[in-house]
Each structure stands twice: as structure tokens, then as C-alpha cells.
Amino acid sequence: MKRNTTKKHWLKGLAMAVALVMAVSASVPTPVHAAGKMTLKVESPKKGVKLSGSKLKLHVKKSTQLQVRYNGKAVTTKAKYKSSNPKVVSVNRNGRLAVKKNGMATLTVKYKGMSKKLKVTVGGHNWKAHKKTKTVVYTRLRCNCGADLCTMSEDEMDEHMINHILNGEMTNCWPEDYEEKVTYTDYYYCECGAKKAGEPEPRGCNE
């Protein structure tokens, strides 16, 4: 009888120990490995290409090199690439894009089970005017009646003077300097960083 009682206590203790181990195991969270982070950048060219989020705009027909990093480490030559429309832009195994013609394509980049998509648009520059204001000094030829002779043609100027004479009025003129703020387009720019020349800088009579 004593042996049976001891055995029961031993089995009960074992059951409690197993239950305790299971409870402790359940309370300890299973370690979760942090997911990797893949980033894409344009390595070259420096101008004519605009990468913003998942959109890539190509405004030049130049070869474009992508740079792929995984958790901060360069993996460009290890990643896999695919273009949905190779007739517009193709990509080789080293992440170099070859532009064929204007259009759209989706570029897929894969590495270690991760995948990123770039919506590629090939087209011309989207030029915008950059305005500049300059104060310029000009010279007028002013008539004694106040008329600005510089705004007249030669025939109009002769007629103006003849009218003065016919009316028995004195005719005289003198130079007069004046300042004017002139706004002009000094250059045009595109969102991709490209620029082109604009209008010549306005110059006054003393420059």
C-alpha cells in the first residue's frame, strides 16, 4: 500500500513538472528574425534620370546603372532583374538598363525572396522656365513736350518734330536715364536635374 502511494506521489510530481515546463515554454516568445531591407538607387547617369519611390523616369537615351543594397550591403550583381517591356527598356544581370524608345515598362528586382517593382517611364525632358529679375538702366530720348522719341520710328519722329514747327513751337530733345526691372528666363530645368540655356541677360545702355 505504501509503495502504491509513493508511486502516485511520484507520478503526480512528474505531471506537475511537465505542466510547469510547458507553461514556461509557452510564455517565452519564439524569436522572430527581422526581415531584410532592400533599397534601389540610380548610380549613373547623374542627370537625365529621376528615381522617386517606385517610379523611375528616364529622360535621356543613356545607359542607366541601378544600385541594389540589402541591409546596407551592395548586392547589385547578385540580384535578379526582369523588364516587362524589353522593347522600351531592357536590363541585364548586372542591373544596367538600356533605353530603346519612349514608353512604359515595369522593372522587377528580386533578392533573397524579396521583390521590388519600378514603374519605368521613358520620355523627353519636362522643361520648366526659371525666371530671374534684373534692374536695367536704359536711356530715353525725351522731347521737350515729354514724348519718348525712342518708342517712335524714324518717320514718326520726323512727323512729330514737323508738327512742333508747324504749330510754332520750339523743338528740343535730350537723353534721359531710367531704371526698369526686367524679368526674363535665364534657363530651363527638368525634374531630372538637366538644364538648358534660356534668354540672354538683358543689358542697359551703360553695360
N, C-alpha and C. Protein backbone atom coordinates (compact mmCIF):
# COMPACT_ATOMS: atom_id res chain seq x y z
N MET A 1 0.83 -1.20 0.00
CA MET A 1 0.00 0.00 0.00
C MET A 1 0.86 1.25 0.00
N LYS A 2 1.92 1.22 0.77
CA LYS A 2 2.83 2.36 0.86
C LYS A 2 3.53 2.59 -0.46
N ARG A 3 3.88 1.45 -1.15
CA ARG A 3 4.57 1.58 -2.44
C ARG A 3 3.66 2.25 -3.46
N ASN A 4 2.37 1.89 -3.48
CA ASN A 4 1.42 2.48 -4.42
C ASN A 4 1.25 3.98 -4.17
N THR A 5 1.22 4.34 -2.87
CA THR A 5 1.07 5.77 -2.52
C THR A 5 2.29 6.56 -2.99
N THR A 6 3.49 5.99 -2.78
CA THR A 6 4.73 6.67 -3.21
C THR A 6 4.74 6.83 -4.73
N LYS A 7 4.29 5.79 -5.43
CA LYS A 7 4.27 5.83 -6.89
C LYS A 7 3.31 6.90 -7.38
N LYS A 8 2.14 7.02 -6.69
CA LYS A 8 1.15 8.03 -7.08
C LYS A 8 1.72 9.43 -6.89
N HIS A 9 2.43 9.65 -5.74
CA HIS A 9 3.03 10.95 -5.48
C HIS A 9 4.10 11.28 -6.53
N TRP A 10 4.85 10.27 -6.90
CA TRP A 10 5.92 10.47 -7.89
C TRP A 10 5.34 10.84 -9.26
N LEU A 11 4.28 10.11 -9.65
CA LEU A 11 3.64 10.40 -10.93
C LEU A 11 3.00 11.79 -10.93
N LYS A 12 2.40 12.15 -9.79
CA LYS A 12 1.77 13.47 -9.67
C LYS A 12 2.81 14.58 -9.78
N GLY A 13 3.97 14.34 -9.13
CA GLY A 13 5.05 15.33 -9.19
C GLY A 13 5.60 15.48 -10.58
N LEU A 14 5.71 14.33 -11.28
CA LEU A 14 6.21 14.36 -12.65
C LEU A 14 5.25 15.12 -13.55
N ALA A 15 3.95 14.89 -13.35
CA ALA A 15 2.95 15.58 -14.17
C ALA A 15 2.99 17.07 -13.94
N MET A 16 3.19 17.46 -12.68
CA MET A 16 3.25 18.89 -12.36
C MET A 16 4.50 19.53 -12.98
N ALA A 17 5.62 18.77 -12.97
CA ALA A 17 6.86 19.30 -13.55
C ALA A 17 6.72 19.49 -15.05
N VAL A 18 6.09 18.50 -15.71
CA VAL A 18 5.88 18.61 -17.16
C VAL A 18 4.98 19.79 -17.48
N ALA A 19 3.93 19.94 -16.68
CA ALA A 19 2.99 21.05 -16.90
C ALA A 19 3.69 22.39 -16.72
N LEU A 20 4.61 22.45 -15.70
CA LEU A 20 5.34 23.70 -15.44
C LEU A 20 6.28 24.04 -16.59
N VAL A 21 6.97 23.01 -17.11
CA VAL A 21 7.88 23.23 -18.25
C VAL A 21 7.12 23.72 -19.47
N MET A 22 5.94 23.12 -19.71
CA MET A 22 5.12 23.51 -20.86
C MET A 22 4.62 24.94 -20.70
N ALA A 23 4.26 25.31 -19.50
CA ALA A 23 3.76 26.67 -19.25
C ALA A 23 4.86 27.70 -19.46
N VAL A 24 6.07 27.37 -18.99
CA VAL A 24 7.20 28.28 -19.16
C VAL A 24 7.56 28.43 -20.63
N SER A 25 7.53 27.28 -21.36
CA SER A 25 7.85 27.32 -22.78
C SER A 25 6.84 28.15 -23.55
N ALA A 26 5.57 28.07 -23.18
CA ALA A 26 4.53 28.82 -23.86
C ALA A 26 4.66 30.31 -23.62
N SER A 27 5.19 30.69 -22.44
CA SER A 27 5.29 32.11 -22.09
C SER A 27 6.49 32.78 -22.74
N VAL A 28 7.49 31.98 -23.22
CA VAL A 28 8.68 32.55 -23.86
C VAL A 28 8.40 32.71 -25.35
N PRO A 29 8.42 33.94 -25.90
CA PRO A 29 8.11 34.15 -27.31
C PRO A 29 9.15 33.52 -28.22
N THR A 30 8.68 32.98 -29.32
CA THR A 30 9.57 32.40 -30.31
C THR A 30 10.33 33.51 -31.02
N PRO A 31 11.66 33.45 -31.07
CA PRO A 31 12.42 34.54 -31.70
C PRO A 31 12.05 34.68 -33.18
N VAL A 32 11.83 35.95 -33.60
CA VAL A 32 11.47 36.24 -34.98
C VAL A 32 12.62 36.99 -35.63
N HIS A 33 13.13 36.48 -36.71
CA HIS A 33 14.23 37.13 -37.41
C HIS A 33 13.72 38.34 -38.18
N ALA A 34 14.37 39.47 -38.04
CA ALA A 34 13.96 40.69 -38.72
C ALA A 34 14.07 40.52 -40.23
N ALA A 35 13.05 41.02 -40.93
CA ALA A 35 13.06 40.92 -42.39
C ALA A 35 14.14 41.82 -42.97
N GLY A 36 14.74 41.38 -44.07
CA GLY A 36 15.77 42.18 -44.71
C GLY A 36 15.17 43.40 -45.39
N LYS A 37 16.01 44.40 -45.63
CA LYS A 37 15.57 45.62 -46.28
C LYS A 37 16.35 45.81 -47.57
N MET A 38 15.62 45.91 -48.68
CA MET A 38 16.24 46.08 -49.98
C MET A 38 15.95 47.49 -50.49
N THR A 39 16.99 48.19 -50.94
CA THR A 39 16.83 49.54 -51.46
C THR A 39 17.43 49.64 -52.86
N LEU A 40 16.84 50.53 -53.67
CA LEU A 40 17.30 50.74 -55.03
C LEU A 40 17.70 52.20 -55.22
N LYS A 41 18.82 52.42 -55.89
CA LYS A 41 19.28 53.77 -56.21
C LYS A 41 19.82 53.79 -57.64
N VAL A 42 19.86 55.00 -58.20
CA VAL A 42 20.48 55.18 -59.52
C VAL A 42 21.92 55.58 -59.32
N GLU A 43 22.83 54.79 -59.84
CA GLU A 43 24.25 55.08 -59.69
C GLU A 43 24.74 56.03 -60.77
N SER A 44 24.23 55.85 -61.99
CA SER A 44 24.60 56.73 -63.11
C SER A 44 23.53 56.58 -64.20
N PRO A 45 23.33 57.61 -65.04
CA PRO A 45 24.00 58.91 -65.02
C PRO A 45 23.44 59.81 -63.93
N LYS A 46 24.14 60.90 -63.64
CA LYS A 46 23.72 61.80 -62.57
C LYS A 46 22.58 62.70 -63.00
N LYS A 47 22.48 62.96 -64.32
CA LYS A 47 21.41 63.81 -64.84
C LYS A 47 20.64 63.07 -65.92
N GLY A 48 19.36 63.42 -66.04
CA GLY A 48 18.53 62.78 -67.04
C GLY A 48 17.72 61.62 -66.51
N VAL A 49 17.89 61.31 -65.21
CA VAL A 49 17.19 60.18 -64.58
C VAL A 49 16.62 60.64 -63.24
N LYS A 50 15.38 60.29 -62.97
CA LYS A 50 14.73 60.67 -61.72
C LYS A 50 14.09 59.45 -61.09
N LEU A 51 14.59 59.03 -59.91
CA LEU A 51 14.02 57.90 -59.17
C LEU A 51 13.33 58.44 -57.93
N SER A 52 12.03 58.21 -57.84
CA SER A 52 11.25 58.69 -56.71
C SER A 52 10.32 57.57 -56.25
N GLY A 53 10.64 56.96 -55.10
CA GLY A 53 9.83 55.85 -54.61
C GLY A 53 9.88 54.68 -55.57
N SER A 54 8.75 54.29 -56.09
CA SER A 54 8.69 53.16 -57.03
C SER A 54 8.57 53.62 -58.48
N LYS A 55 8.85 54.92 -58.72
CA LYS A 55 8.74 55.45 -60.08
C LYS A 55 10.12 55.89 -60.58
N LEU A 56 10.46 55.42 -61.77
CA LEU A 56 11.74 55.76 -62.39
C LEU A 56 11.46 56.42 -63.73
N LYS A 57 11.92 57.69 -63.87
CA LYS A 57 11.72 58.43 -65.12
C LYS A 57 13.06 58.58 -65.82
N LEU A 58 13.10 58.16 -67.09
CA LEU A 58 14.31 58.26 -67.89
C LEU A 58 14.07 59.28 -69.00
N HIS A 59 14.82 60.38 -68.95
CA HIS A 59 14.66 61.45 -69.92
C HIS A 59 15.79 61.51 -70.93
N VAL A 60 16.71 60.58 -70.86
CA VAL A 60 17.82 60.51 -71.81
C VAL A 60 17.97 59.07 -72.29
N LYS A 61 18.47 58.94 -73.49
CA LYS A 61 18.66 57.61 -74.07
C LYS A 61 20.04 57.05 -73.69
N LYS A 62 20.44 57.27 -72.46
CA LYS A 62 21.73 56.78 -71.98
C LYS A 62 21.56 55.52 -71.15
N SER A 63 22.61 54.73 -71.07
CA SER A 63 22.60 53.54 -70.23
C SER A 63 22.50 53.97 -68.76
N THR A 64 21.62 53.31 -68.01
CA THR A 64 21.39 53.66 -66.61
C THR A 64 21.76 52.50 -65.71
N GLN A 65 22.60 52.76 -64.71
CA GLN A 65 23.05 51.72 -63.79
C GLN A 65 22.31 51.83 -62.45
N LEU A 66 21.63 50.74 -62.08
CA LEU A 66 20.98 50.68 -60.78
C LEU A 66 21.96 50.16 -59.72
N GLN A 67 21.71 50.56 -58.48
CA GLN A 67 22.48 50.04 -57.35
C GLN A 67 21.50 49.41 -56.37
N VAL A 68 21.71 48.14 -56.06
CA VAL A 68 20.83 47.40 -55.14
C VAL A 68 21.59 47.11 -53.85
N ARG A 69 20.94 47.43 -52.74
CA ARG A 69 21.55 47.16 -51.43
C ARG A 69 20.56 46.36 -50.58
N TYR A 70 21.10 45.38 -49.85
CA TYR A 70 20.29 44.55 -48.96
C TYR A 70 20.87 44.67 -47.56
N ASN A 71 20.09 45.25 -46.65
CA ASN A 71 20.56 45.54 -45.29
C ASN A 71 21.87 46.34 -45.32
N GLY A 72 21.93 47.29 -46.26
CA GLY A 72 23.10 48.16 -46.35
C GLY A 72 24.26 47.60 -47.15
N LYS A 73 24.17 46.34 -47.57
CA LYS A 73 25.27 45.71 -48.32
C LYS A 73 24.95 45.68 -49.81
N ALA A 74 25.94 46.02 -50.63
CA ALA A 74 25.75 46.03 -52.08
C ALA A 74 25.56 44.62 -52.62
N VAL A 75 24.45 44.40 -53.33
CA VAL A 75 24.15 43.08 -53.91
C VAL A 75 23.71 43.23 -55.37
N THR A 76 24.17 44.29 -56.01
CA THR A 76 23.72 44.60 -57.38
C THR A 76 23.95 43.43 -58.33
N THR A 77 25.11 42.82 -58.26
CA THR A 77 25.44 41.73 -59.19
C THR A 77 24.83 40.39 -58.78
N LYS A 78 24.24 40.33 -57.59
CA LYS A 78 23.64 39.09 -57.11
C LYS A 78 22.12 39.06 -57.28
N ALA A 79 21.53 40.22 -57.47
CA ALA A 79 20.08 40.31 -57.62
C ALA A 79 19.64 39.82 -59.00
N LYS A 80 18.34 39.55 -59.13
CA LYS A 80 17.76 39.13 -60.40
C LYS A 80 16.89 40.25 -60.94
N TYR A 81 16.92 40.45 -62.27
CA TYR A 81 16.19 41.56 -62.88
C TYR A 81 15.33 41.07 -64.04
N LYS A 82 14.21 41.80 -64.25
CA LYS A 82 13.34 41.47 -65.37
C LYS A 82 12.55 42.71 -65.78
N SER A 83 12.47 42.94 -67.09
CA SER A 83 11.68 44.05 -67.63
C SER A 83 10.42 43.50 -68.27
N SER A 84 9.28 44.16 -68.01
CA SER A 84 8.02 43.70 -68.60
C SER A 84 7.91 44.11 -70.07
N ASN A 85 8.75 45.06 -70.50
CA ASN A 85 8.70 45.53 -71.87
C ASN A 85 10.11 45.84 -72.38
N PRO A 86 10.86 44.80 -72.75
CA PRO A 86 12.25 44.99 -73.21
C PRO A 86 12.37 45.85 -74.47
N LYS A 87 11.26 46.04 -75.20
CA LYS A 87 11.31 46.88 -76.39
C LYS A 87 11.41 48.36 -76.02
N VAL A 88 11.04 48.69 -74.78
CA VAL A 88 11.16 50.06 -74.27
C VAL A 88 12.44 50.20 -73.48
N VAL A 89 12.65 49.32 -72.52
CA VAL A 89 13.88 49.34 -71.72
C VAL A 89 14.21 47.91 -71.30
N SER A 90 15.43 47.50 -71.57
CA SER A 90 15.88 46.16 -71.17
C SER A 90 16.85 46.29 -70.01
N VAL A 91 17.11 45.19 -69.30
CA VAL A 91 18.02 45.21 -68.16
C VAL A 91 18.85 43.93 -68.17
N ASN A 92 20.15 44.05 -67.92
CA ASN A 92 21.00 42.87 -67.89
C ASN A 92 21.16 42.37 -66.46
N ARG A 93 21.94 41.31 -66.27
CA ARG A 93 22.07 40.69 -64.96
C ARG A 93 22.88 41.52 -63.98
N ASN A 94 23.51 42.58 -64.46
CA ASN A 94 24.27 43.48 -63.58
C ASN A 94 23.49 44.74 -63.20
N GLY A 95 22.20 44.77 -63.55
CA GLY A 95 21.37 45.91 -63.18
C GLY A 95 21.55 47.13 -64.06
N ARG A 96 22.05 46.95 -65.29
CA ARG A 96 22.24 48.07 -66.21
C ARG A 96 21.08 48.10 -67.20
N LEU A 97 20.43 49.29 -67.30
CA LEU A 97 19.27 49.46 -68.16
C LEU A 97 19.69 50.05 -69.50
N ALA A 98 19.14 49.51 -70.57
CA ALA A 98 19.37 50.02 -71.91
C ALA A 98 18.05 50.55 -72.45
N VAL A 99 18.01 51.87 -72.72
CA VAL A 99 16.79 52.51 -73.20
C VAL A 99 16.67 52.32 -74.71
N LYS A 100 15.49 51.84 -75.16
CA LYS A 100 15.28 51.58 -76.58
C LYS A 100 14.41 52.66 -77.23
N LYS A 101 13.31 53.03 -76.59
CA LYS A 101 12.40 54.03 -77.16
C LYS A 101 11.47 54.53 -76.05
N ASN A 102 10.71 55.60 -76.37
CA ASN A 102 9.76 56.15 -75.41
C ASN A 102 8.65 55.14 -75.12
N GLY A 103 8.20 55.12 -73.87
CA GLY A 103 7.14 54.19 -73.49
C GLY A 103 7.20 53.89 -72.00
N MET A 104 6.55 52.81 -71.60
CA MET A 104 6.48 52.43 -70.19
C MET A 104 6.80 50.95 -70.03
N ALA A 105 7.36 50.62 -68.88
CA ALA A 105 7.67 49.22 -68.55
C ALA A 105 7.74 49.10 -67.03
N THR A 106 7.60 47.88 -66.54
CA THR A 106 7.75 47.61 -65.11
C THR A 106 8.99 46.76 -64.91
N LEU A 107 9.87 47.25 -64.08
CA LEU A 107 11.12 46.55 -63.81
C LEU A 107 11.00 45.84 -62.45
N THR A 108 11.28 44.54 -62.43
CA THR A 108 11.21 43.75 -61.19
C THR A 108 12.61 43.37 -60.74
N VAL A 109 12.92 43.65 -59.47
CA VAL A 109 14.22 43.31 -58.89
C VAL A 109 13.98 42.36 -57.73
N LYS A 110 14.67 41.19 -57.74
CA LYS A 110 14.48 40.19 -56.70
C LYS A 110 15.81 39.82 -56.04
N TYR A 111 15.73 39.60 -54.72
CA TYR A 111 16.91 39.14 -53.99
C TYR A 111 16.46 38.50 -52.68
N LYS A 112 16.91 37.27 -52.42
CA LYS A 112 16.60 36.53 -51.19
C LYS A 112 15.11 36.54 -50.86
N GLY A 113 14.29 36.25 -51.86
CA GLY A 113 12.86 36.16 -51.64
C GLY A 113 12.15 37.50 -51.60
N MET A 114 12.89 38.59 -51.63
CA MET A 114 12.28 39.92 -51.64
C MET A 114 12.13 40.39 -53.09
N SER A 115 11.14 41.24 -53.32
CA SER A 115 10.89 41.72 -54.66
C SER A 115 10.48 43.19 -54.62
N LYS A 116 11.06 43.97 -55.53
CA LYS A 116 10.68 45.37 -55.68
C LYS A 116 10.36 45.64 -57.14
N LYS A 117 9.34 46.48 -57.36
CA LYS A 117 8.94 46.82 -58.71
C LYS A 117 9.13 48.32 -58.95
N LEU A 118 9.65 48.64 -60.13
CA LEU A 118 9.83 50.03 -60.53
C LEU A 118 8.98 50.28 -61.78
N LYS A 119 8.14 51.32 -61.73
CA LYS A 119 7.40 51.71 -62.92
C LYS A 119 8.26 52.67 -63.71
N VAL A 120 8.75 52.21 -64.85
CA VAL A 120 9.70 52.97 -65.65
C VAL A 120 8.97 53.71 -66.77
N THR A 121 9.23 55.02 -66.86
CA THR A 121 8.67 55.85 -67.94
C THR A 121 9.82 56.46 -68.73
N VAL A 122 9.85 56.19 -70.03
CA VAL A 122 10.88 56.75 -70.90
C VAL A 122 10.24 57.84 -71.75
N GLY A 123 10.77 59.06 -71.68
CA GLY A 123 10.20 60.17 -72.44
C GLY A 123 11.14 61.36 -72.44
N GLY A 124 10.73 62.43 -73.10
CA GLY A 124 11.55 63.62 -73.20
C GLY A 124 11.57 64.42 -71.90
N HIS A 125 12.42 65.44 -71.86
CA HIS A 125 12.51 66.31 -70.69
C HIS A 125 11.21 67.10 -70.51
N ASN A 126 10.88 67.35 -69.27
CA ASN A 126 9.73 68.20 -68.92
C ASN A 126 10.28 69.56 -68.51
N TRP A 127 10.52 70.43 -69.49
CA TRP A 127 11.21 71.69 -69.22
C TRP A 127 10.30 72.69 -68.52
N LYS A 128 10.87 73.38 -67.53
CA LYS A 128 10.19 74.47 -66.84
C LYS A 128 11.10 75.70 -66.84
N ALA A 129 10.49 76.86 -66.96
CA ALA A 129 11.27 78.10 -67.05
C ALA A 129 11.70 78.57 -65.66
N HIS A 130 12.97 78.92 -65.53
CA HIS A 130 13.49 79.52 -64.30
C HIS A 130 13.60 81.02 -64.54
N LYS A 131 12.83 81.80 -63.78
CA LYS A 131 12.76 83.24 -64.00
C LYS A 131 13.75 83.99 -63.10
N LYS A 132 14.27 85.09 -63.66
CA LYS A 132 15.17 85.95 -62.91
C LYS A 132 14.83 87.41 -63.20
N THR A 133 14.95 88.25 -62.19
CA THR A 133 14.65 89.67 -62.35
C THR A 133 15.93 90.49 -62.19
N LYS A 134 16.12 91.43 -63.12
CA LYS A 134 17.30 92.29 -63.08
C LYS A 134 16.89 93.74 -63.29
N THR A 135 17.52 94.65 -62.56
CA THR A 135 17.28 96.08 -62.75
C THR A 135 18.25 96.60 -63.80
N VAL A 136 17.69 97.14 -64.88
CA VAL A 136 18.48 97.59 -66.02
C VAL A 136 18.31 99.09 -66.21
N VAL A 137 19.41 99.79 -66.52
CA VAL A 137 19.38 101.23 -66.78
C VAL A 137 19.35 101.47 -68.28
N TYR A 138 18.29 102.14 -68.74
CA TYR A 138 18.15 102.48 -70.15
C TYR A 138 18.23 104.00 -70.33
N THR A 139 18.40 104.44 -71.57
CA THR A 139 18.41 105.87 -71.89
C THR A 139 17.29 106.17 -72.89
N ARG A 140 16.43 107.14 -72.52
CA ARG A 140 15.39 107.62 -73.43
C ARG A 140 15.87 108.89 -74.14
N LEU A 141 15.31 109.11 -75.30
CA LEU A 141 15.49 110.40 -75.96
C LEU A 141 14.17 111.14 -75.79
N ARG A 142 14.15 112.08 -74.86
CA ARG A 142 12.90 112.74 -74.47
C ARG A 142 12.74 114.07 -75.20
N CYS A 143 11.53 114.28 -75.74
CA CYS A 143 11.21 115.56 -76.37
C CYS A 143 10.83 116.58 -75.30
N ASN A 144 10.98 117.89 -75.62
CA ASN A 144 10.64 118.89 -74.63
C ASN A 144 9.16 118.89 -74.27
N CYS A 145 8.33 118.23 -75.13
CA CYS A 145 6.91 118.12 -74.80
C CYS A 145 6.62 116.93 -73.90
N GLY A 146 7.66 116.11 -73.65
CA GLY A 146 7.51 114.95 -72.78
C GLY A 146 7.41 113.63 -73.51
N ALA A 147 7.28 113.64 -74.83
CA ALA A 147 7.14 112.40 -75.61
C ALA A 147 8.46 111.61 -75.61
N ASP A 148 8.35 110.28 -75.55
CA ASP A 148 9.52 109.40 -75.61
C ASP A 148 9.80 109.10 -77.07
N LEU A 149 10.84 109.73 -77.61
CA LEU A 149 11.14 109.57 -79.03
C LEU A 149 11.69 108.19 -79.36
N CYS A 150 12.20 107.48 -78.36
CA CYS A 150 12.78 106.15 -78.59
C CYS A 150 11.73 105.12 -78.97
N THR A 151 10.48 105.41 -78.63
CA THR A 151 9.41 104.46 -78.95
C THR A 151 8.86 104.70 -80.36
N MET A 152 9.39 105.72 -81.04
CA MET A 152 8.89 106.07 -82.37
C MET A 152 9.83 105.56 -83.45
N SER A 153 9.25 105.32 -84.62
CA SER A 153 10.07 105.03 -85.79
C SER A 153 10.67 106.34 -86.29
N GLU A 154 11.57 106.27 -87.26
CA GLU A 154 12.18 107.50 -87.79
C GLU A 154 11.13 108.40 -88.44
N ASP A 155 10.19 107.80 -89.17
CA ASP A 155 9.14 108.59 -89.83
C ASP A 155 8.25 109.26 -88.79
N GLU A 156 7.92 108.52 -87.72
CA GLU A 156 7.08 109.09 -86.68
C GLU A 156 7.79 110.23 -85.96
N MET A 157 9.10 110.08 -85.77
CA MET A 157 9.88 111.12 -85.10
C MET A 157 9.93 112.39 -85.96
N ASP A 158 10.14 112.22 -87.28
CA ASP A 158 10.15 113.37 -88.18
C ASP A 158 8.81 114.08 -88.18
N GLU A 159 7.75 113.31 -88.22
CA GLU A 159 6.41 113.89 -88.22
C GLU A 159 6.14 114.66 -86.93
N HIS A 160 6.65 114.08 -85.81
CA HIS A 160 6.46 114.73 -84.51
C HIS A 160 7.16 116.10 -84.50
N MET A 161 8.37 116.16 -84.98
CA MET A 161 9.12 117.41 -84.98
C MET A 161 8.48 118.43 -85.93
N ILE A 162 8.02 117.99 -87.11
CA ILE A 162 7.39 118.88 -88.08
C ILE A 162 6.13 119.51 -87.49
N ASN A 163 5.36 118.70 -86.74
CA ASN A 163 4.15 119.24 -86.11
C ASN A 163 4.49 120.34 -85.12
N HIS A 164 5.59 120.15 -84.38
CA HIS A 164 6.02 121.20 -83.47
C HIS A 164 6.32 122.49 -84.23
N ILE A 165 7.02 122.37 -85.36
CA ILE A 165 7.42 123.53 -86.14
C ILE A 165 6.19 124.21 -86.74
N LEU A 166 5.26 123.41 -87.28
CA LEU A 166 4.06 123.97 -87.89
C LEU A 166 3.21 124.71 -86.87
N ASN A 167 3.27 124.24 -85.63
CA ASN A 167 2.49 124.88 -84.57
C ASN A 167 3.24 126.05 -83.93
N GLY A 168 4.41 126.37 -84.47
CA GLY A 168 5.19 127.48 -83.95
C GLY A 168 5.79 127.18 -82.59
N GLU A 169 6.01 125.90 -82.32
CA GLU A 169 6.55 125.51 -81.01
C GLU A 169 8.04 125.20 -81.13
N MET A 170 8.73 125.39 -80.03
CA MET A 170 10.16 125.07 -80.01
C MET A 170 10.32 123.55 -80.01
N THR A 171 11.31 123.09 -80.69
CA THR A 171 11.61 121.65 -80.68
C THR A 171 12.97 121.44 -80.05
N ASN A 172 13.01 120.50 -79.15
CA ASN A 172 14.26 120.16 -78.47
C ASN A 172 14.13 118.76 -77.89
N CYS A 173 15.23 118.07 -77.73
CA CYS A 173 15.21 116.75 -77.11
C CYS A 173 16.50 116.54 -76.35
N TRP A 174 16.45 115.65 -75.36
CA TRP A 174 17.63 115.36 -74.56
C TRP A 174 17.57 113.92 -74.05
N PRO A 175 18.73 113.33 -73.77
CA PRO A 175 18.75 111.96 -73.23
C PRO A 175 18.33 111.94 -71.77
N GLU A 176 17.67 110.86 -71.41
CA GLU A 176 17.19 110.73 -70.02
C GLU A 176 17.34 109.27 -69.58
N ASP A 177 18.10 109.04 -68.51
CA ASP A 177 18.29 107.68 -67.99
C ASP A 177 17.10 107.27 -67.12
N TYR A 178 16.76 106.01 -67.18
CA TYR A 178 15.71 105.50 -66.29
C TYR A 178 15.98 104.02 -66.01
N GLU A 179 15.49 103.55 -64.87
CA GLU A 179 15.67 102.15 -64.45
C GLU A 179 14.40 101.36 -64.72
N GLU A 180 14.61 100.11 -65.07
CA GLU A 180 13.46 99.23 -65.31
C GLU A 180 13.79 97.82 -64.82
N LYS A 181 12.86 97.22 -64.09
CA LYS A 181 13.04 95.84 -63.64
C LYS A 181 12.55 94.90 -64.74
N VAL A 182 13.46 94.09 -65.21
CA VAL A 182 13.15 93.19 -66.32
C VAL A 182 13.18 91.74 -65.82
N THR A 183 12.10 91.01 -66.04
CA THR A 183 12.05 89.58 -65.68
C THR A 183 12.22 88.76 -66.95
N TYR A 184 13.15 87.83 -66.90
CA TYR A 184 13.43 87.01 -68.08
C TYR A 184 13.72 85.57 -67.64
N THR A 185 13.73 84.65 -68.59
CA THR A 185 14.04 83.25 -68.31
C THR A 185 15.53 83.04 -68.52
N ASP A 186 16.27 82.89 -67.42
CA ASP A 186 17.72 82.73 -67.57
C ASP A 186 18.11 81.29 -67.94
N TYR A 187 17.26 80.30 -67.56
CA TYR A 187 17.49 78.93 -68.02
C TYR A 187 16.24 78.09 -67.82
N TYR A 188 16.21 76.94 -68.45
CA TYR A 188 15.13 75.97 -68.29
C TYR A 188 15.68 74.76 -67.56
N TYR A 189 14.84 74.14 -66.73
CA TYR A 189 15.29 72.98 -65.95
C TYR A 189 14.24 71.87 -65.98
N CYS A 190 14.72 70.66 -65.77
CA CYS A 190 13.85 69.49 -65.73
C CYS A 190 13.98 68.84 -64.35
N GLU A 191 12.98 68.10 -63.95
CA GLU A 191 12.99 67.44 -62.64
C GLU A 191 14.13 66.44 -62.49
N CYS A 192 14.67 66.00 -63.63
CA CYS A 192 15.75 65.01 -63.59
C CYS A 192 17.12 65.65 -63.35
N GLY A 193 17.16 66.98 -63.25
CA GLY A 193 18.42 67.68 -62.98
C GLY A 193 19.06 68.30 -64.20
N ALA A 194 18.52 68.04 -65.39
CA ALA A 194 19.08 68.62 -66.61
C ALA A 194 18.69 70.09 -66.74
N LYS A 195 19.55 70.87 -67.42
CA LYS A 195 19.29 72.29 -67.66
C LYS A 195 19.62 72.62 -69.12
N LYS A 196 19.01 73.71 -69.60
CA LYS A 196 19.39 74.25 -70.91
C LYS A 196 19.27 75.77 -70.87
N ALA A 197 20.01 76.42 -71.76
CA ALA A 197 20.08 77.87 -71.76
C ALA A 197 18.73 78.51 -72.07
N GLY A 198 18.53 79.69 -71.50
CA GLY A 198 17.30 80.43 -71.75
C GLY A 198 17.56 81.67 -72.57
N GLU A 199 16.97 82.78 -72.15
CA GLU A 199 17.12 84.04 -72.88
C GLU A 199 18.43 84.73 -72.48
N PRO A 200 18.99 85.56 -73.36
CA PRO A 200 20.19 86.30 -72.99
C PRO A 200 19.88 87.32 -71.89
N GLU A 201 20.84 87.59 -71.06
CA GLU A 201 20.63 88.54 -69.97
C GLU A 201 20.43 89.94 -70.53
N PRO A 202 19.36 90.64 -70.13
CA PRO A 202 19.13 92.00 -70.65
C PRO A 202 20.21 92.95 -70.17
N ARG A 203 20.63 93.85 -71.06
CA ARG A 203 21.69 94.81 -70.74
C ARG A 203 21.20 96.23 -71.03
N GLY A 204 21.62 97.14 -70.17
CA GLY A 204 21.26 98.53 -70.34
C GLY A 204 22.23 99.25 -71.26
N CYS A 205 22.08 100.58 -71.37
CA CYS A 205 22.89 101.36 -72.29
C CYS A 205 24.34 101.52 -71.81
N ASN A 206 24.55 101.34 -70.49
CA ASN A 206 25.89 101.56 -69.94
C ASN A 206 26.64 100.25 -69.68
N GLU A 207 26.12 99.14 -70.17
CA GLU A 207 26.77 97.84 -69.90
C GLU A 207 27.45 97.31 -71.15
